[in-house]
PDB file of N, CA and C in Angstrom:
ATOM      1  N   PHE A   1     -39.125 181.144-106.005  1.00  0.00           N
ATOM      2  CA  PHE A   1     -38.593 180.609-107.166  1.00  0.00           C
ATOM      3  C   PHE A   1     -37.037 180.756-106.925  1.00  0.00           C
ATOM      4  N   PHE A   2     -36.840 181.962-106.380  1.00  0.00           N
ATOM      5  CA  PHE A   2     -35.203 182.303-106.097  1.00  0.00           C
ATOM      6  C   PHE A   2     -34.426 181.516-105.338  1.00  0.00           C
ATOM      7  N   LEU A   3     -35.331 181.050-104.116  1.00  0.00           N
ATOM      8  CA  LEU A   3     -34.599 180.053-103.128  1.00  0.00           C
ATOM      9  C   LEU A   3     -34.470 178.725-103.751  1.00  0.00           C
ATOM     10  N   ILE A   4     -35.373 178.246-104.518  1.00  0.00           N
ATOM     11  CA  ILE A   4     -35.028 177.082-105.054  1.00  0.00           C
ATOM     12  C   ILE A   4     -33.799 177.228-106.537  1.00  0.00           C
ATOM     13  N   SER A   5     -33.940 178.110-107.222  1.00  0.00           N
ATOM     14  CA  SER A   5     -32.797 178.248-108.165  1.00  0.00           C
ATOM     15  C   SER A   5     -31.534 178.507-107.676  1.00  0.00           C
ATOM     16  N   THR A   6     -31.183 179.254-106.611  1.00  0.00           N
ATOM     17  CA  THR A   6     -29.898 179.577-105.923  1.00  0.00           C
ATOM     18  C   THR A   6     -29.821 178.439-105.069  1.00  0.00           C
ATOM     19  N   GLY A   7     -30.604 177.712-104.084  1.00  0.00           N
ATOM     20  CA  GLY A   7     -30.463 177.083-102.946  1.00  0.00           C
ATOM     21  C   GLY A   7     -29.819 175.507-103.445  1.00  0.00           C
ATOM     22  N   PHE A   8     -30.407 175.225-104.391  1.00  0.00           N
ATOM     23  CA  PHE A   8     -29.825 174.040-104.898  1.00  0.00           C
ATOM     24  C   PHE A   8     -28.527 173.735-105.504  1.00  0.00           C
ATOM     25  N   PRO A   9     -28.068 174.644-106.321  1.00  0.00           N
ATOM     26  CA  PRO A   9     -26.608 174.399-106.813  1.00  0.00           C
ATOM     27  C   PRO A   9     -25.709 174.860-105.757  1.00  0.00           C
ATOM     28  N   ILE A  10     -26.186 176.032-104.674  1.00  0.00           N
ATOM     29  CA  ILE A  10     -24.890 176.368-103.967  1.00  0.00           C
ATOM     30  C   ILE A  10     -24.762 175.215-102.813  1.00  0.00           C
ATOM     31  N   ASN A  11     -26.008 174.611-102.380  1.00  0.00           N
ATOM     32  CA  ASN A  11     -25.840 173.396-101.324  1.00  0.00           C
ATOM     33  C   ASN A  11     -25.368 172.048-102.165  1.00  0.00           C
ATOM     34  N   PHE A  12     -25.647 171.878-103.201  1.00  0.00           N
ATOM     35  CA  PHE A  12     -24.996 170.691-103.858  1.00  0.00           C
ATOM     36  C   PHE A  12     -23.675 171.025-104.040  1.00  0.00           C
ATOM     37  N   LEU A  13     -22.921 172.151-104.519  1.00  0.00           N
ATOM     38  CA  LEU A  13     -21.775 172.155-104.676  1.00  0.00           C
ATOM     39  C   LEU A  13     -20.836 172.512-103.071  1.00  0.00           C
ATOM     40  N   THR A  14     -21.584 172.857-102.249  1.00  0.00           N
ATOM     41  CA  THR A  14     -21.162 172.649-100.765  1.00  0.00           C
ATOM     42  C   THR A  14     -20.753 171.320-100.380  1.00  0.00           C
ATOM     43  N   LEU A  15     -21.700 170.223-100.763  1.00  0.00           N
ATOM     44  CA  LEU A  15     -21.727 169.029-100.400  1.00  0.00           C
ATOM     45  C   LEU A  15     -20.459 168.459-101.596  1.00  0.00           C
ATOM     46  N   LEU A  16     -20.367 168.731-102.822  1.00  0.00           N
ATOM     47  CA  LEU A  16     -19.801 168.179-103.590  1.00  0.00           C
ATOM     48  C   LEU A  16     -18.145 168.423-103.221  1.00  0.00           C
ATOM     49  N   VAL A  17     -18.006 169.768-102.854  1.00  0.00           N
ATOM     50  CA  VAL A  17     -16.477 170.168-102.354  1.00  0.00           C
ATOM     51  C   VAL A  17     -15.988 169.417-101.118  1.00  0.00           C
ATOM     52  N   THR A  18     -17.145 169.568-100.169  1.00  0.00           N
ATOM     53  CA  THR A  18     -16.498 168.875 -99.117  1.00  0.00           C
ATOM     54  C   THR A  18     -16.059 167.562 -98.972  1.00  0.00           C
ATOM     55  N   PHE A  19     -16.827 166.528-100.047  1.00  0.00           N
ATOM     56  CA  PHE A  19     -16.628 165.234 -99.959  1.00  0.00           C
ATOM     57  C   PHE A  19     -15.529 165.187-100.843  1.00  0.00           C
ATOM     58  N   LYS A  20     -15.227 166.005-102.012  1.00  0.00           N
ATOM     59  CA  LYS A  20     -14.222 165.758-102.741  1.00  0.00           C
ATOM     60  C   LYS A  20     -12.840 166.076-102.008  1.00  0.00           C
ATOM     61  N   HIS A  21     -12.612 167.031-101.221  1.00  0.00           N
ATOM     62  CA  HIS A  21     -11.413 167.284-100.393  1.00  0.00           C
ATOM     63  C   HIS A  21     -11.214 166.787 -98.921  1.00  0.00           C
ATOM     64  N   LYS A  22     -10.476 166.135 -98.621  1.00  0.00           N
ATOM     65  CA  LYS A  22     -10.533 165.160 -97.606  1.00  0.00           C
ATOM     66  C   LYS A  22      -9.969 166.469 -96.507  1.00  0.00           C
ATOM     67  N   LYS A  23      -9.277 167.366 -96.908  1.00  0.00           N
ATOM     68  CA  LYS A  23      -8.918 168.660 -95.966  1.00  0.00           C
ATOM     69  C   LYS A  23      -9.973 169.232 -95.372  1.00  0.00           C
ATOM     70  N   LEU A  24     -11.198 169.254 -95.886  1.00  0.00           N
ATOM     71  CA  LEU A  24     -12.399 169.922 -95.368  1.00  0.00           C
ATOM     72  C   LEU A  24     -13.198 169.013 -94.529  1.00  0.00           C
ATOM     73  N   ARG A  25     -12.846 167.884 -94.368  1.00  0.00           N
ATOM     74  CA  ARG A  25     -13.349 166.949 -93.488  1.00  0.00           C
ATOM     75  C   ARG A  25     -13.255 166.871 -92.099  1.00  0.00           C
ATOM     76  N   GLN A  26     -13.697 168.034 -91.627  1.00  0.00           N
ATOM     77  CA  GLN A  26     -13.139 168.206 -90.211  1.00  0.00           C
ATOM     78  C   GLN A  26     -14.352 168.243 -89.397  1.00  0.00           C
ATOM     79  N   PRO A  27     -14.490 168.148 -88.049  1.00  0.00           N
ATOM     80  CA  PRO A  27     -15.650 168.121 -87.189  1.00  0.00           C
ATOM     81  C   PRO A  27     -16.456 169.542 -87.233  1.00  0.00           C
ATOM     82  N   LEU A  28     -15.862 170.786 -87.492  1.00  0.00           N
ATOM     83  CA  LEU A  28     -16.518 171.752 -87.588  1.00  0.00           C
ATOM     84  C   LEU A  28     -17.381 172.097 -88.754  1.00  0.00           C
ATOM     85  N   ASN A  29     -16.868 171.452 -89.881  1.00  0.00           N
ATOM     86  CA  ASN A  29     -17.250 171.225 -91.449  1.00  0.00           C
ATOM     87  C   ASN A  29     -18.508 170.558 -91.360  1.00  0.00           C
ATOM     88  N   TYR A  30     -18.614 169.624 -90.529  1.00  0.00           N
ATOM     89  CA  TYR A  30     -20.040 168.579 -90.282  1.00  0.00           C
ATOM     90  C   TYR A  30     -21.043 169.570 -90.143  1.00  0.00           C
ATOM     91  N   ILE A  31     -20.958 170.640 -89.493  1.00  0.00           N
ATOM     92  CA  ILE A  31     -22.160 171.583 -89.368  1.00  0.00           C
ATOM     93  C   ILE A  31     -22.638 171.870 -90.494  1.00  0.00           C
ATOM     94  N   LEU A  32     -21.626 172.474 -91.464  1.00  0.00           N
ATOM     95  CA  LEU A  32     -21.876 173.041 -92.812  1.00  0.00           C
ATOM     96  C   LEU A  32     -22.492 172.099 -93.669  1.00  0.00           C
ATOM     97  N   VAL A  33     -22.020 170.686 -93.526  1.00  0.00           N
ATOM     98  CA  VAL A  33     -22.589 169.801 -94.276  1.00  0.00           C
ATOM     99  C   VAL A  33     -23.952 169.385 -93.971  1.00  0.00           C
ATOM    100  N   ASN A  34     -24.313 169.285 -92.496  1.00  0.00           N
ATOM    101  CA  ASN A  34     -25.453 169.196 -91.995  1.00  0.00           C
ATOM    102  C   ASN A  34     -26.547 170.228 -92.592  1.00  0.00           C
ATOM    103  N   LEU A  35     -26.099 171.479 -92.637  1.00  0.00           N
ATOM    104  CA  LEU A  35     -27.125 172.536 -93.152  1.00  0.00           C
ATOM    105  C   LEU A  35     -27.396 172.376 -94.591  1.00  0.00           C
ATOM    106  N   ALA A  36     -26.231 171.983 -95.461  1.00  0.00           N
ATOM    107  CA  ALA A  36     -26.460 172.117 -97.022  1.00  0.00           C
ATOM    108  C   ALA A  36     -27.512 170.894 -97.048  1.00  0.00           C
ATOM    109  N   VAL A  37     -27.399 169.788 -96.136  1.00  0.00           N
ATOM    110  CA  VAL A  37     -28.117 168.445 -96.470  1.00  0.00           C
ATOM    111  C   VAL A  37     -29.649 168.997 -96.322  1.00  0.00           C
ATOM    112  N   ALA A  38     -29.936 169.656 -95.147  1.00  0.00           N
ATOM    113  CA  ALA A  38     -31.229 170.109 -94.677  1.00  0.00           C
ATOM    114  C   ALA A  38     -31.665 171.198 -95.644  1.00  0.00           C
ATOM    115  N   ASP A  39     -30.832 172.364 -96.141  1.00  0.00           N
ATOM    116  CA  ASP A  39     -31.554 172.839 -97.221  1.00  0.00           C
ATOM    117  C   ASP A  39     -31.706 172.259 -98.539  1.00  0.00           C
ATOM    118  N   LEU A  40     -30.731 170.944 -99.028  1.00  0.00           N
ATOM    119  CA  LEU A  40     -31.382 170.640-100.055  1.00  0.00           C
ATOM    120  C   LEU A  40     -32.792 169.760-100.193  1.00  0.00           C
ATOM    121  N   CYS A  41     -32.896 169.298 -99.017  1.00  0.00           N
ATOM    122  CA  CYS A  41     -34.271 168.655 -98.546  1.00  0.00           C
ATOM    123  C   CYS A  41     -35.500 169.833 -98.567  1.00  0.00           C
ATOM    124  N   MET A  42     -35.072 170.809 -98.088  1.00  0.00           N
ATOM    125  CA  MET A  42     -35.954 171.948 -98.341  1.00  0.00           C
ATOM    126  C   MET A  42     -36.115 172.476 -99.865  1.00  0.00           C
ATOM    127  N   ALA A  43     -35.083 172.662-100.619  1.00  0.00           N
ATOM    128  CA  ALA A  43     -35.383 173.048-101.695  1.00  0.00           C
ATOM    129  C   ALA A  43     -35.875 172.031-102.904  1.00  0.00           C
ATOM    130  N   CYS A  44     -35.751 170.721-102.535  1.00  0.00           N
ATOM    131  CA  CYS A  44     -36.176 169.634-103.318  1.00  0.00           C
ATOM    132  C   CYS A  44     -37.790 169.314-102.999  1.00  0.00           C
ATOM    133  N   PHE A  45     -38.036 169.285-101.876  1.00  0.00           N
ATOM    134  CA  PHE A  45     -39.322 168.869-101.617  1.00  0.00           C
ATOM    135  C   PHE A  45     -40.161 170.038-101.018  1.00  0.00           C
ATOM    136  N   GLY A  46     -39.841 171.049 -99.963  1.00  0.00           N
ATOM    137  CA  GLY A  46     -40.776 172.077 -99.324  1.00  0.00           C
ATOM    138  C   GLY A  46     -40.683 173.063-100.307  1.00  0.00           C
ATOM    139  N   PHE A  47     -39.939 173.658-101.032  1.00  0.00           N
ATOM    140  CA  PHE A  47     -40.025 174.761-101.771  1.00  0.00           C
ATOM    141  C   PHE A  47     -41.074 174.443-103.001  1.00  0.00           C
ATOM    142  N   THR A  48     -40.614 173.372-103.554  1.00  0.00           N
ATOM    143  CA  THR A  48     -41.063 173.018-104.782  1.00  0.00           C
ATOM    144  C   THR A  48     -42.633 172.525-104.330  1.00  0.00           C
ATOM    145  N   VAL A  49     -42.874 171.942-103.799  1.00  0.00           N
ATOM    146  CA  VAL A  49     -44.267 172.065-103.318  1.00  0.00           C
ATOM    147  C   VAL A  49     -45.106 173.414-103.189  1.00  0.00           C
ATOM    148  N   THR A  50     -44.581 173.996-102.163  1.00  0.00           N
ATOM    149  CA  THR A  50     -45.022 175.424-101.878  1.00  0.00           C
ATOM    150  C   THR A  50     -45.223 176.190-103.325  1.00  0.00           C
ATOM    151  N   PHE A  51     -44.286 176.155-104.076  1.00  0.00           N
ATOM    152  CA  PHE A  51     -44.287 176.761-105.320  1.00  0.00           C
ATOM    153  C   PHE A  51     -45.255 176.311-106.564  1.00  0.00           C
ATOM    154  N   TYR A  52     -45.632 175.050-106.372  1.00  0.00           N
ATOM    155  CA  TYR A  52     -46.795 174.186-107.195  1.00  0.00           C
ATOM    156  C   TYR A  52     -47.948 174.684-106.720  1.00  0.00           C
ATOM    157  N   THR A  53     -48.186 174.727-105.464  1.00  0.00           N
ATOM    158  CA  THR A  53     -49.148 174.986-105.065  1.00  0.00           C
ATOM    159  C   THR A  53     -49.656 176.408-105.208  1.00  0.00           C
ATOM    160  N   ALA A  54     -48.816 177.418-104.888  1.00  0.00           N
ATOM    161  CA  ALA A  54     -48.814 178.960-105.490  1.00  0.00           C
ATOM    162  C   ALA A  54     -49.550 178.837-106.789  1.00  0.00           C
ATOM    163  N   TRP A  55     -48.485 178.090-107.906  1.00  0.00           N
ATOM    164  CA  TRP A  55     -48.826 178.320-109.064  1.00  0.00           C
ATOM    165  C   TRP A  55     -50.344 177.825-109.489  1.00  0.00           C
ATOM    166  N   ASN A  56     -50.835 176.699-108.899  1.00  0.00           N
ATOM    167  CA  ASN A  56     -52.117 176.389-109.113  1.00  0.00           C
ATOM    168  C   ASN A  56     -53.316 177.051-108.217  1.00  0.00           C
ATOM    169  N   GLY A  57     -52.944 177.657-107.167  1.00  0.00           N
ATOM    170  CA  GLY A  57     -53.765 178.314-106.389  1.00  0.00           C
ATOM    171  C   GLY A  57     -54.750 177.562-105.534  1.00  0.00           C
ATOM    172  N   TYR A  58     -54.286 176.316-105.335  1.00  0.00           N
ATOM    173  CA  TYR A  58     -54.778 175.195-104.333  1.00  0.00           C
ATOM    174  C   TYR A  58     -53.772 174.241-103.948  1.00  0.00           C
ATOM    175  N   PHE A  59     -54.100 173.612-102.728  1.00  0.00           N
ATOM    176  CA  PHE A  59     -53.251 172.420-102.757  1.00  0.00           C
ATOM    177  C   PHE A  59     -53.642 171.003-103.039  1.00  0.00           C
ATOM    178  N   MET A  60     -53.178 170.426-104.096  1.00  0.00           N
ATOM    179  CA  MET A  60     -53.824 169.186-104.757  1.00  0.00           C
ATOM    180  C   MET A  60     -53.138 168.007-104.252  1.00  0.00           C
ATOM    181  N   PHE A  61     -52.333 167.909-103.527  1.00  0.00           N
ATOM    182  CA  PHE A  61     -51.762 166.464-102.992  1.00  0.00           C
ATOM    183  C   PHE A  61     -52.425 165.699-101.947  1.00  0.00           C
ATOM    184  N   GLY A  62     -53.384 166.516-101.703  1.00  0.00           N
ATOM    185  CA  GLY A  62     -54.382 165.542-100.732  1.00  0.00           C
ATOM    186  C   GLY A  62     -53.725 165.623 -98.937  1.00  0.00           C
ATOM    187  N   PRO A  63     -54.530 164.832 -98.086  1.00  0.00           N
ATOM    188  CA  PRO A  63     -53.944 165.146 -96.840  1.00  0.00           C
ATOM    189  C   PRO A  63     -52.443 164.505 -96.461  1.00  0.00           C
ATOM    190  N   VAL A  64     -52.155 163.373 -97.355  1.00  0.00           N
ATOM    191  CA  VAL A  64     -50.928 162.829 -97.096  1.00  0.00           C
ATOM    192  C   VAL A  64     -49.934 163.540 -97.671  1.00  0.00           C
ATOM    193  N   GLY A  65     -49.874 164.544 -98.809  1.00  0.00           N
ATOM    194  CA  GLY A  65     -49.254 165.260 -99.529  1.00  0.00           C
ATOM    195  C   GLY A  65     -48.952 166.460 -98.319  1.00  0.00           C
ATOM    196  N   CYS A  66     -50.136 166.818 -97.677  1.00  0.00           N
ATOM    197  CA  CYS A  66     -49.895 167.747 -96.687  1.00  0.00           C
ATOM    198  C   CYS A  66     -49.233 167.241 -95.590  1.00  0.00           C
ATOM    199  N   ALA A  67     -49.375 166.369 -95.110  1.00  0.00           N
ATOM    200  CA  ALA A  67     -48.382 165.741 -94.123  1.00  0.00           C
ATOM    201  C   ALA A  67     -46.839 165.452 -94.485  1.00  0.00           C
ATOM    202  N   VAL A  68     -46.685 165.170 -95.671  1.00  0.00           N
ATOM    203  CA  VAL A  68     -45.165 164.769 -96.190  1.00  0.00           C
ATOM    204  C   VAL A  68     -44.567 166.199 -96.042  1.00  0.00           C
ATOM    205  N   GLU A  69     -45.197 167.252 -96.784  1.00  0.00           N
ATOM    206  CA  GLU A  69     -44.701 168.823 -96.822  1.00  0.00           C
ATOM    207  C   GLU A  69     -44.672 169.306 -95.380  1.00  0.00           C
ATOM    208  N   GLY A  70     -45.624 168.998 -94.755  1.00  0.00           N
ATOM    209  CA  GLY A  70     -45.311 169.656 -93.654  1.00  0.00           C
ATOM    210  C   GLY A  70     -43.973 169.063 -92.664  1.00  0.00           C
ATOM    211  N   PHE A  71     -43.978 167.665 -92.794  1.00  0.00           N
ATOM    212  CA  PHE A  71     -42.713 167.022 -92.247  1.00  0.00           C
ATOM    213  C   PHE A  71     -41.441 167.714 -92.831  1.00  0.00           C
ATOM    214  N   PHE A  72     -41.263 167.857 -94.113  1.00  0.00           N
ATOM    215  CA  PHE A  72     -39.934 168.124 -94.594  1.00  0.00           C
ATOM    216  C   PHE A  72     -39.959 169.645 -94.488  1.00  0.00           C
ATOM    217  N   ALA A  73     -40.987 170.473 -93.896  1.00  0.00           N
ATOM    218  CA  ALA A  73     -40.648 172.093 -93.678  1.00  0.00           C
ATOM    219  C   ALA A  73     -40.194 172.136 -92.510  1.00  0.00           C
ATOM    220  N   THR A  74     -40.788 171.078 -91.680  1.00  0.00           N
ATOM    221  CA  THR A  74     -40.295 171.155 -90.204  1.00  0.00           C
ATOM    222  C   THR A  74     -38.747 170.808 -89.994  1.00  0.00           C
ATOM    223  N   LEU A  75     -38.626 169.717 -90.876  1.00  0.00           N
ATOM    224  CA  LEU A  75     -37.304 169.129 -90.841  1.00  0.00           C
ATOM    225  C   LEU A  75     -36.249 170.024 -91.169  1.00  0.00           C
ATOM    226  N   GLY A  76     -36.424 170.706 -92.634  1.00  0.00           N
ATOM    227  CA  GLY A  76     -35.565 171.602 -92.854  1.00  0.00           C
ATOM    228  C   GLY A  76     -35.524 172.982 -92.325  1.00  0.00           C
TER     229      GLY A  76
END
């Protein structure tokens, strides 16, 4: 829960500030933006599914949901 509640706002603010200020749009900062996008994907999809599964005690999204969650966990 901590990773979802802190990861989403911090990474969203990182993207917002980077896109708002032209001075920060430099090649080295693209690595930071890439990490922020990957972390946002994990916070939105990976951790949320894991939290929901832990809350219910079983994985209730079926085989397709398992494949999608595994894809995003590997991607992030």
